[in-house]
PDB file of N, CA and C in Angstrom:
ATOM      1  N   MET A   1       0.887  -1.215  -0.053  1.00  0.00           N
ATOM      2  CA  MET A   1       0.036  -0.090   0.025  1.00  0.00           C
ATOM      3  C   MET A   1       0.957   1.278   0.005  1.00  0.00           C
ATOM      4  N   ARG A   2       1.828   1.147   0.788  1.00  0.00           N
ATOM      5  CA  ARG A   2       2.744   2.523   0.918  1.00  0.00           C
ATOM      6  C   ARG A   2       3.453   2.610  -0.391  1.00  0.00           C
ATOM      7  N   GLY A   3       3.861   1.594  -1.107  1.00  0.00           N
ATOM      8  CA  GLY A   3       4.631   1.662  -2.303  1.00  0.00           C
ATOM      9  C   GLY A   3       3.778   2.264  -3.361  1.00  0.00           C
ATOM     10  N   LEU A   4       2.466   2.037  -3.398  1.00  0.00           N
ATOM     11  CA  LEU A   4       1.508   2.650  -4.338  1.00  0.00           C
ATOM     12  C   LEU A   4       1.432   4.189  -4.089  1.00  0.00           C
ATOM     13  N   LEU A   5       1.305   4.376  -2.750  1.00  0.00           N
ATOM     14  CA  LEU A   5       1.174   5.812  -2.470  1.00  0.00           C
ATOM     15  C   LEU A   5       2.443   6.701  -2.821  1.00  0.00           C
ATOM     16  N   MET A   6       3.625   5.942  -2.657  1.00  0.00           N
ATOM     17  CA  MET A   6       4.814   6.663  -2.965  1.00  0.00           C
ATOM     18  C   MET A   6       4.845   6.960  -4.636  1.00  0.00           C
ATOM     19  N   LEU A   7       4.258   6.039  -5.256  1.00  0.00           N
ATOM     20  CA  LEU A   7       4.275   6.291  -6.718  1.00  0.00           C
ATOM     21  C   LEU A   7       3.296   7.478  -7.054  1.00  0.00           C
ATOM     22  N   ALA A   8       2.273   7.696  -6.308  1.00  0.00           N
ATOM     23  CA  ALA A   8       1.227   8.655  -6.523  1.00  0.00           C
ATOM     24  C   ALA A   8       1.748  10.093  -6.393  1.00  0.00           C
ATOM     25  N   GLY A   9       2.896  10.408  -5.840  1.00  0.00           N
ATOM     26  CA  GLY A   9       3.276  11.734  -5.691  1.00  0.00           C
ATOM     27  C   GLY A   9       3.507  12.186  -4.235  1.00  0.00           C
ATOM     28  N   ASP A  10       4.219  13.326  -4.139  1.00  0.00           N
ATOM     29  CA  ASP A  10       4.656  13.887  -2.739  1.00  0.00           C
ATOM     30  C   ASP A  10       3.505  14.191  -1.921  1.00  0.00           C
ATOM     31  N   PRO A  11       2.516  15.001  -2.508  1.00  0.00           N
ATOM     32  CA  PRO A  11       1.388  15.376  -1.520  1.00  0.00           C
ATOM     33  C   PRO A  11       0.673  14.323  -0.928  1.00  0.00           C
ATOM     34  N   VAL A  12       0.444  13.174  -1.796  1.00  0.00           N
ATOM     35  CA  VAL A  12      -0.183  12.025  -1.157  1.00  0.00           C
ATOM     36  C   VAL A  12       0.685  11.334  -0.234  1.00  0.00           C
ATOM     37  N   VAL A  13       1.930  11.276  -0.365  1.00  0.00           N
ATOM     38  CA  VAL A  13       2.885  10.708   0.535  1.00  0.00           C
ATOM     39  C   VAL A  13       2.887  11.409   1.898  1.00  0.00           C
ATOM     40  N   CYS A  14       3.042  12.696   1.699  1.00  0.00           N
ATOM     41  CA  CYS A  14       2.945  13.561   2.960  1.00  0.00           C
ATOM     42  C   CYS A  14       1.776  13.424   3.785  1.00  0.00           C
ATOM     43  N   LEU A  15       0.693  13.413   3.141  1.00  0.00           N
ATOM     44  CA  LEU A  15      -0.619  13.423   3.774  1.00  0.00           C
ATOM     45  C   LEU A  15      -0.848  11.956   4.443  1.00  0.00           C
ATOM     46  N   SER A  16      -0.449  10.816   3.765  1.00  0.00           N
ATOM     47  CA  SER A  16      -0.431   9.430   4.218  1.00  0.00           C
ATOM     48  C   SER A  16       0.508   9.261   5.376  1.00  0.00           C
ATOM     49  N   THR A  17       1.595   9.892   5.324  1.00  0.00           N
ATOM     50  CA  THR A  17       2.620   9.808   6.405  1.00  0.00           C
ATOM     51  C   THR A  17       2.088  10.560   7.747  1.00  0.00           C
ATOM     52  N   ALA A  18       1.456  11.676   7.399  1.00  0.00           N
ATOM     53  CA  ALA A  18       0.915  12.483   8.647  1.00  0.00           C
ATOM     54  C   ALA A  18      -0.227  11.608   9.299  1.00  0.00           C
ATOM     55  N   VAL A  19      -1.168  11.002   8.332  1.00  0.00           N
ATOM     56  CA  VAL A  19      -2.260  10.172   8.921  1.00  0.00           C
ATOM     57  C   VAL A  19      -1.671   9.056   9.660  1.00  0.00           C
ATOM     58  N   GLU A  20      -0.666   8.374   8.995  1.00  0.00           N
ATOM     59  CA  GLU A  20      -0.179   7.042   9.688  1.00  0.00           C
ATOM     60  C   GLU A  20       0.525   7.441  11.040  1.00  0.00           C
ATOM     61  N   ALA A  21       1.164   8.564  11.051  1.00  0.00           N
ATOM     62  CA  ALA A  21       1.848   9.001  12.349  1.00  0.00           C
ATOM     63  C   ALA A  21       0.798   9.233  13.349  1.00  0.00           C
ATOM     64  N   ARG A  22      -0.426  10.016  13.100  1.00  0.00           N
ATOM     65  CA  ARG A  22      -1.385  10.269  13.900  1.00  0.00           C
ATOM     66  C   ARG A  22      -2.087   8.978  14.410  1.00  0.00           C
ATOM     67  N   VAL A  23      -2.274   8.039  13.595  1.00  0.00           N
ATOM     68  CA  VAL A  23      -3.021   6.765  13.827  1.00  0.00           C
ATOM     69  C   VAL A  23      -2.070   5.971  14.697  1.00  0.00           C
ATOM     70  N   ALA A  24      -0.753   5.948  14.433  1.00  0.00           N
ATOM     71  CA  ALA A  24       0.121   5.266  15.263  1.00  0.00           C
ATOM     72  C   ALA A  24       0.143   5.754  16.587  1.00  0.00           C
ATOM     73  N   LYS A  25       0.176   6.976  16.778  1.00  0.00           N
ATOM     74  CA  LYS A  25       0.141   7.715  18.107  1.00  0.00           C
ATOM     75  C   LYS A  25      -0.936   7.393  18.879  1.00  0.00           C
ATOM     76  N   GLU A  26      -2.177   7.625  18.304  1.00  0.00           N
ATOM     77  CA  GLU A  26      -3.479   7.236  18.917  1.00  0.00           C
ATOM     78  C   GLU A  26      -3.468   5.738  19.397  1.00  0.00           C
ATOM     79  N   THR A  27      -3.034   4.888  18.534  1.00  0.00           N
ATOM     80  CA  THR A  27      -2.957   3.468  18.797  1.00  0.00           C
ATOM     81  C   THR A  27      -1.988   3.203  19.950  1.00  0.00           C
ATOM     82  N   LEU A  28      -0.883   3.696  19.860  1.00  0.00           N
ATOM     83  CA  LEU A  28       0.073   3.416  21.023  1.00  0.00           C
ATOM     84  C   LEU A  28      -0.579   3.989  22.326  1.00  0.00           C
ATOM     85  N   ARG A  29      -1.165   5.172  22.208  1.00  0.00           N
ATOM     86  CA  ARG A  29      -1.737   5.837  23.372  1.00  0.00           C
ATOM     87  C   ARG A  29      -2.895   4.956  24.030  1.00  0.00           C
ATOM     88  N   GLY A  30      -3.585   4.396  22.944  1.00  0.00           N
ATOM     89  CA  GLY A  30      -4.793   3.599  23.494  1.00  0.00           C
ATOM     90  C   GLY A  30      -4.348   2.202  24.014  1.00  0.00           C
ATOM     91  N   LEU A  31      -3.276   1.699  23.490  1.00  0.00           N
ATOM     92  CA  LEU A  31      -2.734   0.476  24.126  1.00  0.00           C
ATOM     93  C   LEU A  31      -2.102   0.803  25.440  1.00  0.00           C
ATOM     94  N   GLY A  32      -1.530   1.925  25.559  1.00  0.00           N
ATOM     95  CA  GLY A  32      -0.842   2.278  26.861  1.00  0.00           C
ATOM     96  C   GLY A  32      -1.909   2.321  27.833  1.00  0.00           C
ATOM     97  N   GLU A  33      -3.052   2.965  27.528  1.00  0.00           N
ATOM     98  CA  GLU A  33      -4.161   3.215  28.456  1.00  0.00           C
ATOM     99  C   GLU A  33      -4.766   1.860  28.831  1.00  0.00           C
ATOM    100  N   PHE A  34      -4.978   0.928  27.841  1.00  0.00           N
ATOM    101  CA  PHE A  34      -5.661  -0.318  28.115  1.00  0.00           C
ATOM    102  C   PHE A  34      -4.769  -1.101  28.935  1.00  0.00           C
ATOM    103  N   HIS A  35      -3.530  -1.095  28.662  1.00  0.00           N
ATOM    104  CA  HIS A  35      -2.498  -1.893  29.399  1.00  0.00           C
ATOM    105  C   HIS A  35      -2.486  -1.445  30.833  1.00  0.00           C
ATOM    106  N   ARG A  36      -2.501  -0.128  31.002  1.00  0.00           N
ATOM    107  CA  ARG A  36      -2.412   0.367  32.350  1.00  0.00           C
ATOM    108  C   ARG A  36      -3.579   0.139  33.263  1.00  0.00           C
ATOM    109  N   SER A  37      -4.732   0.322  32.516  1.00  0.00           N
ATOM    110  CA  SER A  37      -6.045   0.040  33.197  1.00  0.00           C
ATOM    111  C   SER A  37      -6.292  -1.373  33.459  1.00  0.00           C
ATOM    112  N   ALA A  38      -5.827  -2.210  32.535  1.00  0.00           N
ATOM    113  CA  ALA A  38      -5.921  -3.780  32.699  1.00  0.00           C
ATOM    114  C   ALA A  38      -5.024  -4.189  33.885  1.00  0.00           C
ATOM    115  N   SER A  39      -3.877  -3.659  34.116  1.00  0.00           N
ATOM    116  CA  SER A  39      -3.108  -4.213  35.106  1.00  0.00           C
ATOM    117  C   SER A  39      -3.614  -3.743  36.510  1.00  0.00           C
ATOM    118  N   LEU A  40      -4.457  -2.769  36.596  1.00  0.00           N
ATOM    119  CA  LEU A  40      -5.010  -2.322  37.856  1.00  0.00           C
ATOM    120  C   LEU A  40      -5.969  -3.456  38.442  1.00  0.00           C
ATOM    121  N   PRO A  41      -6.129  -3.492  39.661  1.00  0.00           N
ATOM    122  CA  PRO A  41      -6.953  -4.552  40.316  1.00  0.00           C
ATOM    123  C   PRO A  41      -8.505  -4.194  40.210  1.00  0.00           C
ATOM    124  N   THR A  42      -8.765  -2.916  40.211  1.00  0.00           N
ATOM    125  CA  THR A  42     -10.190  -2.464  40.211  1.00  0.00           C
ATOM    126  C   THR A  42     -10.753  -2.545  38.788  1.00  0.00           C
ATOM    127  N   HIS A  43     -11.775  -3.132  38.558  1.00  0.00           N
ATOM    128  CA  HIS A  43     -12.531  -3.224  37.298  1.00  0.00           C
ATOM    129  C   HIS A  43     -13.172  -1.826  36.832  1.00  0.00           C
ATOM    130  N   GLY A  44     -13.451  -1.004  37.841  1.00  0.00           N
ATOM    131  CA  GLY A  44     -14.098   0.313  37.531  1.00  0.00           C
ATOM    132  C   GLY A  44     -13.276   1.177  36.706  1.00  0.00           C
ATOM    133  N   GLN A  45     -11.883   1.104  36.817  1.00  0.00           N
ATOM    134  CA  GLN A  45     -10.981   1.779  36.166  1.00  0.00           C
ATOM    135  C   GLN A  45     -10.912   1.609  34.594  1.00  0.00           C
ATOM    136  N   THR A  46     -11.347   0.294  34.273  1.00  0.00           N
ATOM    137  CA  THR A  46     -11.240  -0.132  32.704  1.00  0.00           C
ATOM    138  C   THR A  46     -12.358   0.456  31.943  1.00  0.00           C
ATOM    139  N   MET A  47     -13.451   0.860  32.666  1.00  0.00           N
ATOM    140  CA  MET A  47     -14.567   1.533  31.749  1.00  0.00           C
ATOM    141  C   MET A  47     -14.131   3.031  31.493  1.00  0.00           C
ATOM    142  N   ARG A  48     -13.279   3.495  32.127  1.00  0.00           N
ATOM    143  CA  ARG A  48     -13.012   4.902  31.829  1.00  0.00           C
ATOM    144  C   ARG A  48     -11.757   5.038  30.785  1.00  0.00           C
ATOM    145  N   SER A  49     -12.157   4.785  29.565  1.00  0.00           N
ATOM    146  CA  SER A  49     -11.157   4.651  28.532  1.00  0.00           C
ATOM    147  C   SER A  49     -10.961   5.908  27.816  1.00  0.00           C
ATOM    148  N   SER A  50     -12.022   6.772  27.670  1.00  0.00           N
ATOM    149  CA  SER A  50     -11.817   8.144  26.919  1.00  0.00           C
ATOM    150  C   SER A  50     -12.199   9.219  28.130  1.00  0.00           C
TER     151      SER A  50
END
């Protein structure tokens, strides 16, 4: 997928890279939140995800 985007031109590559970076950051943050809340003994904390 990324190879196709690279062939499409610089604006598309810049846009897709920015989107990928944002998605990756959100995903890592979400995983961090989930891991931290999942490791807590109280189940009430897991519901507070956002």
